Amino acid sequence: MNDQEYDDGEAKLVEQIISIQRNYYFEKRNVKTERQRKIRELIEKASKAEPSHGN
């Protein structure tokens, strides 16, 4: 994966997080945990997909 693909992947992740935040913005406070769970899952999935940048 080159730098451009990596940047595109990060941009997609940020777009997904923003989308989730917008979806839940006007929801009740008790929905906060569901929003946090979805964001955590997205980040964990992206972290597992990241290539290891060797030294």
N, C-alpha and C. Protein backbone atom coordinates (compact mmCIF):
# COMPACT_ATOMS: atom_id res chain seq x y z
N MET A 1 0.85 -1.17 0.00
CA MET A 1 0.00 0.00 0.00
C MET A 1 0.90 1.23 0.00
N ASN A 2 0.66 2.12 -0.95
CA ASN A 2 1.50 3.32 -1.00
C ASN A 2 0.88 4.43 -0.14
N ASP A 3 1.60 5.54 -0.04
CA ASP A 3 1.16 6.65 0.82
C ASP A 3 -0.20 7.19 0.40
N GLN A 4 -0.44 7.28 -0.91
CA GLN A 4 -1.73 7.81 -1.39
C GLN A 4 -2.88 6.90 -0.97
N GLU A 5 -2.69 5.59 -1.11
CA GLU A 5 -3.73 4.65 -0.70
C GLU A 5 -3.95 4.71 0.81
N TYR A 6 -2.87 4.86 1.55
CA TYR A 6 -2.96 4.97 3.01
C TYR A 6 -3.73 6.23 3.39
N ASP A 7 -3.41 7.36 2.74
CA ASP A 7 -4.12 8.62 3.01
C ASP A 7 -5.59 8.50 2.64
N ASP A 8 -5.88 7.82 1.53
CA ASP A 8 -7.28 7.62 1.12
C ASP A 8 -8.02 6.78 2.15
N GLY A 9 -7.34 5.77 2.69
CA GLY A 9 -7.95 4.93 3.72
C GLY A 9 -8.25 5.71 4.98
N GLU A 10 -7.32 6.58 5.37
CA GLU A 10 -7.54 7.42 6.55
C GLU A 10 -8.69 8.39 6.31
N ALA A 11 -8.76 8.96 5.11
CA ALA A 11 -9.84 9.89 4.78
C ALA A 11 -11.18 9.17 4.83
N LYS A 12 -11.22 7.94 4.35
CA LYS A 12 -12.47 7.17 4.37
C LYS A 12 -12.88 6.89 5.81
N LEU A 13 -11.93 6.55 6.66
CA LEU A 13 -12.22 6.30 8.07
C LEU A 13 -12.79 7.54 8.73
N VAL A 14 -12.18 8.68 8.47
CA VAL A 14 -12.66 9.94 9.05
C VAL A 14 -14.08 10.23 8.55
N GLU A 15 -14.34 10.00 7.27
CA GLU A 15 -15.68 10.22 6.73
C GLU A 15 -16.70 9.32 7.40
N GLN A 16 -16.33 8.06 7.67
CA GLN A 16 -17.24 7.14 8.34
C GLN A 16 -17.52 7.60 9.77
N ILE A 17 -16.50 8.05 10.47
CA ILE A 17 -16.69 8.54 11.84
C ILE A 17 -17.59 9.77 11.84
N ILE A 18 -17.36 10.69 10.92
CA ILE A 18 -18.20 11.89 10.83
C ILE A 18 -19.64 11.50 10.54
N SER A 19 -19.83 10.54 9.65
CA SER A 19 -21.17 10.08 9.32
C SER A 19 -21.89 9.53 10.55
N ILE A 20 -21.18 8.71 11.33
CA ILE A 20 -21.78 8.16 12.55
C ILE A 20 -22.11 9.28 13.52
N GLN A 21 -21.19 10.24 13.68
CA GLN A 21 -21.43 11.36 14.61
C GLN A 21 -22.66 12.16 14.17
N ARG A 22 -22.79 12.39 12.88
CA ARG A 22 -23.96 13.13 12.37
C ARG A 22 -25.24 12.36 12.61
N ASN A 23 -25.19 11.04 12.38
CA ASN A 23 -26.39 10.22 12.56
C ASN A 23 -26.89 10.27 14.00
N TYR A 24 -25.99 10.36 14.94
CA TYR A 24 -26.37 10.32 16.35
C TYR A 24 -26.41 11.71 17.01
N TYR A 25 -26.10 12.74 16.27
CA TYR A 25 -25.97 14.07 16.86
C TYR A 25 -27.22 14.49 17.62
N PHE A 26 -28.38 14.27 17.03
CA PHE A 26 -29.62 14.73 17.65
C PHE A 26 -30.33 13.65 18.46
N GLU A 27 -29.68 12.50 18.60
CA GLU A 27 -30.29 11.41 19.36
C GLU A 27 -30.18 11.67 20.86
N LYS A 28 -30.87 10.85 21.60
CA LYS A 28 -30.84 10.97 23.06
C LYS A 28 -29.48 10.58 23.60
N ARG A 29 -29.20 11.00 24.78
CA ARG A 29 -27.90 10.76 25.40
C ARG A 29 -27.60 9.27 25.60
N ASN A 30 -28.60 8.45 25.84
CA ASN A 30 -28.34 7.04 26.08
C ASN A 30 -27.87 6.30 24.83
N VAL A 31 -27.93 6.94 23.69
CA VAL A 31 -27.45 6.35 22.45
C VAL A 31 -25.94 6.55 22.33
N LYS A 32 -25.37 7.35 23.20
CA LYS A 32 -23.94 7.66 23.15
C LYS A 32 -23.09 6.40 23.15
N THR A 33 -23.44 5.42 23.95
CA THR A 33 -22.63 4.21 24.03
C THR A 33 -22.64 3.44 22.71
N GLU A 34 -23.77 3.42 22.03
CA GLU A 34 -23.85 2.75 20.72
C GLU A 34 -22.96 3.47 19.71
N ARG A 35 -23.00 4.78 19.71
CA ARG A 35 -22.14 5.58 18.82
C ARG A 35 -20.68 5.31 19.11
N GLN A 36 -20.32 5.31 20.38
CA GLN A 36 -18.93 5.05 20.76
C GLN A 36 -18.50 3.64 20.33
N ARG A 37 -19.39 2.66 20.47
CA ARG A 37 -19.07 1.29 20.08
C ARG A 37 -18.79 1.21 18.58
N LYS A 38 -19.64 1.85 17.78
CA LYS A 38 -19.45 1.82 16.33
C LYS A 38 -18.15 2.50 15.92
N ILE A 39 -17.84 3.62 16.54
CA ILE A 39 -16.60 4.33 16.22
C ILE A 39 -15.40 3.48 16.64
N ARG A 40 -15.46 2.87 17.82
CA ARG A 40 -14.37 2.01 18.28
C ARG A 40 -14.16 0.84 17.31
N GLU A 41 -15.25 0.24 16.83
CA GLU A 41 -15.14 -0.86 15.88
C GLU A 41 -14.48 -0.41 14.58
N LEU A 42 -14.86 0.78 14.08
CA LEU A 42 -14.25 1.31 12.87
C LEU A 42 -12.75 1.51 13.04
N ILE A 43 -12.38 2.09 14.16
CA ILE A 43 -10.96 2.35 14.41
C ILE A 43 -10.19 1.06 14.57
N GLU A 44 -10.76 0.09 15.28
CA GLU A 44 -10.08 -1.20 15.45
C GLU A 44 -9.92 -1.90 14.10
N LYS A 45 -10.95 -1.86 13.28
CA LYS A 45 -10.87 -2.48 11.95
C LYS A 45 -9.79 -1.81 11.11
N ALA A 46 -9.74 -0.50 11.14
CA ALA A 46 -8.72 0.24 10.37
C ALA A 46 -7.32 -0.04 10.91
N SER A 47 -7.20 -0.17 12.23
CA SER A 47 -5.90 -0.44 12.83
C SER A 47 -5.36 -1.80 12.41
N LYS A 48 -6.23 -2.77 12.32
CA LYS A 48 -5.82 -4.11 11.91
C LYS A 48 -5.40 -4.13 10.44
N ALA A 49 -6.00 -3.26 9.63
CA ALA A 49 -5.72 -3.22 8.20
C ALA A 49 -4.47 -2.41 7.87
N GLU A 50 -3.98 -1.60 8.82
CA GLU A 50 -2.82 -0.77 8.56
C GLU A 50 -1.58 -1.63 8.30
N PRO A 51 -0.82 -1.29 7.29
CA PRO A 51 0.43 -2.01 7.05
C PRO A 51 1.46 -1.61 8.10
N SER A 52 2.34 -2.52 8.41
CA SER A 52 3.40 -2.17 9.36
C SER A 52 4.48 -1.42 8.60
N HIS A 53 4.79 -0.24 9.04
CA HIS A 53 5.83 0.59 8.42
C HIS A 53 7.14 0.23 9.10
N GLY A 54 7.91 -0.63 8.43
CA GLY A 54 9.16 -1.11 9.02
C GLY A 54 10.21 -0.02 9.11
N ASN A 55 11.14 -0.20 10.01
CA ASN A 55 12.21 0.79 10.21
C ASN A 55 13.35 0.53 9.28
